């Protein structure tokens, strides 16, 4: 959108940004990082030469390989295991990480948001399968436990 591009052109030119309450913020000494999903080919077509000339460094990120995605799953699940052990004083089986790698087909996902959603879904299903229903747990307690599980993802 040219309005947004012109706004950032002005910010980069003056070094001043105005907050929503009218306060002026001097950006001297700040590093500003812009990101976009514009392809390398479309970048010169979509971003004006004036704005492009103010970027000191441009780079392009590539998609993660499947092996990188699997490493991320391992990292994320190990982190979740630690949180479960601390929060619930419950040790999960040794094959927990393998379970996630088996149940998440990383080649189906191109971004980390989708992989994280899948980790969350598989994790909640996994925890549910690990704990048989207890008729002695009331709804409020069950909700509290569910809320704590969801909070582990923060």
Protein backbone atom coordinates (compact mmCIF):
# COMPACT_ATOMS: atom_id res chain seq x y z
CA UNK A 1 0.00 0.00 0.00
CA UNK A 2 1.58 3.29 -1.07
CA UNK A 3 0.23 5.11 2.00
CA UNK A 4 2.13 2.75 4.29
CA UNK A 5 5.25 2.89 2.12
CA UNK A 6 5.14 6.71 2.15
CA UNK A 7 4.73 6.69 5.94
CA UNK A 8 7.86 4.54 6.37
CA UNK A 9 9.72 6.64 3.82
CA UNK A 10 8.95 9.70 5.96
CA UNK A 11 9.99 7.90 9.16
CA UNK A 12 13.30 6.81 7.62
CA UNK A 13 13.88 10.30 6.18
CA UNK A 14 13.15 12.27 9.36
CA UNK A 15 14.20 9.67 11.96
CA UNK A 16 11.05 10.51 13.93
CA UNK A 17 7.98 8.36 14.50
CA UNK A 18 4.74 9.64 15.98
CA UNK A 19 2.87 7.48 18.46
CA UNK A 20 -0.89 7.08 18.49
CA UNK A 21 -1.15 9.67 21.29
CA UNK A 22 0.84 12.25 19.34
CA UNK A 23 4.17 11.69 21.12
CA UNK A 24 7.23 12.08 18.93
CA UNK A 25 9.91 9.41 19.25
CA UNK A 26 13.45 10.07 18.02
CA UNK A 27 14.76 6.92 16.36
CA UNK A 28 18.40 7.98 16.52
CA UNK A 29 20.39 4.92 17.59
CA UNK A 30 17.59 2.47 16.76
CA UNK A 31 17.80 -0.36 14.26
CA UNK A 32 14.60 -0.79 12.27
CA UNK A 33 13.90 -4.19 10.75
CA UNK A 34 11.31 -4.55 8.02
CA UNK A 35 10.02 -7.95 6.98
CA UNK A 36 7.71 -8.93 4.17
CA UNK A 37 6.51 -11.88 2.15
CA UNK A 38 7.30 -10.12 -1.12
CA UNK A 39 9.31 -12.35 -3.44
CA UNK A 40 12.78 -11.33 -4.59
CA UNK A 41 11.40 -10.78 -8.09
CA UNK A 42 8.49 -8.60 -6.91
CA UNK A 43 10.53 -6.56 -4.43
CA UNK A 44 11.73 -3.92 -6.96
CA UNK A 45 8.26 -3.74 -8.52
CA UNK A 46 6.38 -3.26 -5.23
CA UNK A 47 8.80 -1.12 -3.20
CA UNK A 48 9.59 2.32 -4.55
CA UNK A 49 13.22 3.15 -5.40
CA UNK A 50 13.12 5.95 -2.78
CA UNK A 51 12.20 3.52 -0.01
CA UNK A 52 14.54 0.76 -1.24
CA UNK A 53 17.48 3.18 -1.21
CA UNK A 54 17.05 3.66 2.53
CA UNK A 55 17.48 -0.03 3.33
CA UNK A 56 21.07 -0.75 4.33
CA UNK A 57 20.79 -4.51 4.17
CA UNK A 58 18.42 -6.81 2.32
CA UNK A 59 18.27 -10.58 2.63
CA UNK A 60 16.04 -13.42 1.61
CA UNK A 61 15.18 -16.34 3.83
CA UNK A 62 14.68 -19.80 2.43
CA UNK A 63 12.22 -22.42 3.59
CA UNK A 64 13.42 -24.83 6.25
CA UNK A 65 14.38 -28.33 5.19
CA UNK A 66 12.40 -31.26 6.57
CA UNK A 67 15.35 -32.22 8.78
CA UNK A 68 15.39 -28.67 10.23
CA UNK A 69 11.67 -28.95 10.94
CA UNK A 70 12.20 -32.27 12.73
CA UNK A 71 14.97 -30.67 14.82
CA UNK A 72 12.53 -27.92 15.74
CA UNK A 73 9.91 -30.49 16.81
CA UNK A 74 12.52 -32.20 18.98
CA UNK A 75 13.50 -28.88 20.57
CA UNK A 76 9.90 -27.78 21.14
CA UNK A 77 8.73 -31.13 22.56
CA UNK A 78 11.72 -31.41 24.91
CA UNK A 79 10.83 -27.94 26.17
CA UNK A 80 7.19 -29.00 26.69
CA UNK A 81 8.28 -32.16 28.52
CA UNK A 82 10.31 -30.07 30.97
CA UNK A 83 7.35 -27.77 31.56
CA UNK A 84 4.98 -30.70 32.17
CA UNK A 85 7.43 -32.25 34.61
CA UNK A 86 7.77 -28.96 36.53
CA UNK A 87 4.08 -27.98 36.47
CA UNK A 88 2.52 -31.39 37.08
CA UNK A 89 5.39 -33.36 38.67
CA UNK A 90 4.70 -36.04 36.05
CA UNK A 91 7.39 -37.77 34.04
CA UNK A 92 6.48 -38.50 30.43
CA UNK A 93 7.64 -41.70 28.70
CA UNK A 94 11.11 -41.77 27.12
CA UNK A 95 9.65 -42.17 23.62
CA UNK A 96 7.59 -38.95 23.77
CA UNK A 97 9.75 -37.07 21.26
CA UNK A 98 9.61 -40.03 18.84
CA UNK A 99 5.82 -40.08 19.19
CA UNK A 100 5.65 -36.48 17.97
CA UNK A 101 8.07 -37.06 15.11
CA UNK A 102 5.95 -40.05 14.06
CA UNK A 103 2.64 -38.16 14.23
CA UNK A 104 3.69 -34.91 12.54
CA UNK A 105 4.48 -35.10 8.85
CA UNK A 106 6.76 -32.07 8.55
CA UNK A 107 6.74 -32.14 4.75
CA UNK A 108 3.09 -30.98 4.87
CA UNK A 109 4.02 -27.68 6.52
CA UNK A 110 5.90 -24.69 5.11
CA UNK A 111 5.78 -22.39 8.11
CA UNK A 112 6.52 -22.67 11.79
CA UNK A 113 3.08 -21.40 12.84
CA UNK A 114 1.44 -24.43 11.27
CA UNK A 115 4.01 -26.79 12.80
CA UNK A 116 3.41 -25.20 16.21
CA UNK A 117 -0.35 -25.66 15.83
CA UNK A 118 0.20 -29.31 14.98
CA UNK A 119 2.57 -29.79 17.94
CA UNK A 120 -0.10 -28.28 20.20
CA UNK A 121 -2.83 -30.54 18.79
CA UNK A 122 -0.71 -33.69 19.03
CA UNK A 123 0.48 -32.69 22.52
CA UNK A 124 -3.05 -32.23 23.87
CA UNK A 125 -4.16 -35.53 22.29
CA UNK A 126 -1.06 -37.22 23.69
CA UNK A 127 -1.64 -35.93 27.22
CA UNK A 128 -5.30 -36.94 27.03
CA UNK A 129 -4.28 -40.47 25.95
CA UNK A 130 -1.73 -40.67 28.79
CA UNK A 131 -4.37 -39.84 31.41
CA UNK A 132 -7.47 -41.98 31.58
CA UNK A 133 -10.61 -40.09 32.59
CA UNK A 134 -11.07 -39.79 36.33
CA UNK A 135 -14.68 -39.60 37.45
CA UNK A 136 -13.52 -37.98 40.69
CA UNK A 137 -12.25 -34.84 38.91
CA UNK A 138 -14.90 -32.12 38.78
CA UNK A 139 -15.38 -29.83 35.77
CA UNK A 140 -13.66 -26.84 37.40
CA UNK A 141 -10.54 -28.90 38.18
CA UNK A 142 -10.55 -30.38 34.68
CA UNK A 143 -10.83 -26.87 33.19
CA UNK A 144 -7.97 -25.66 35.41
CA UNK A 145 -5.73 -28.53 34.27
CA UNK A 146 -6.66 -27.87 30.62
CA UNK A 147 -5.87 -24.17 31.07
CA UNK A 148 -2.48 -25.02 32.60
CA UNK A 149 -1.70 -27.31 29.66
CA UNK A 150 -2.53 -24.57 27.17
CA UNK A 151 -0.41 -22.11 29.16
CA UNK A 152 2.62 -24.38 28.65
CA UNK A 153 2.76 -23.11 25.06
CA UNK A 154 3.54 -19.54 26.09
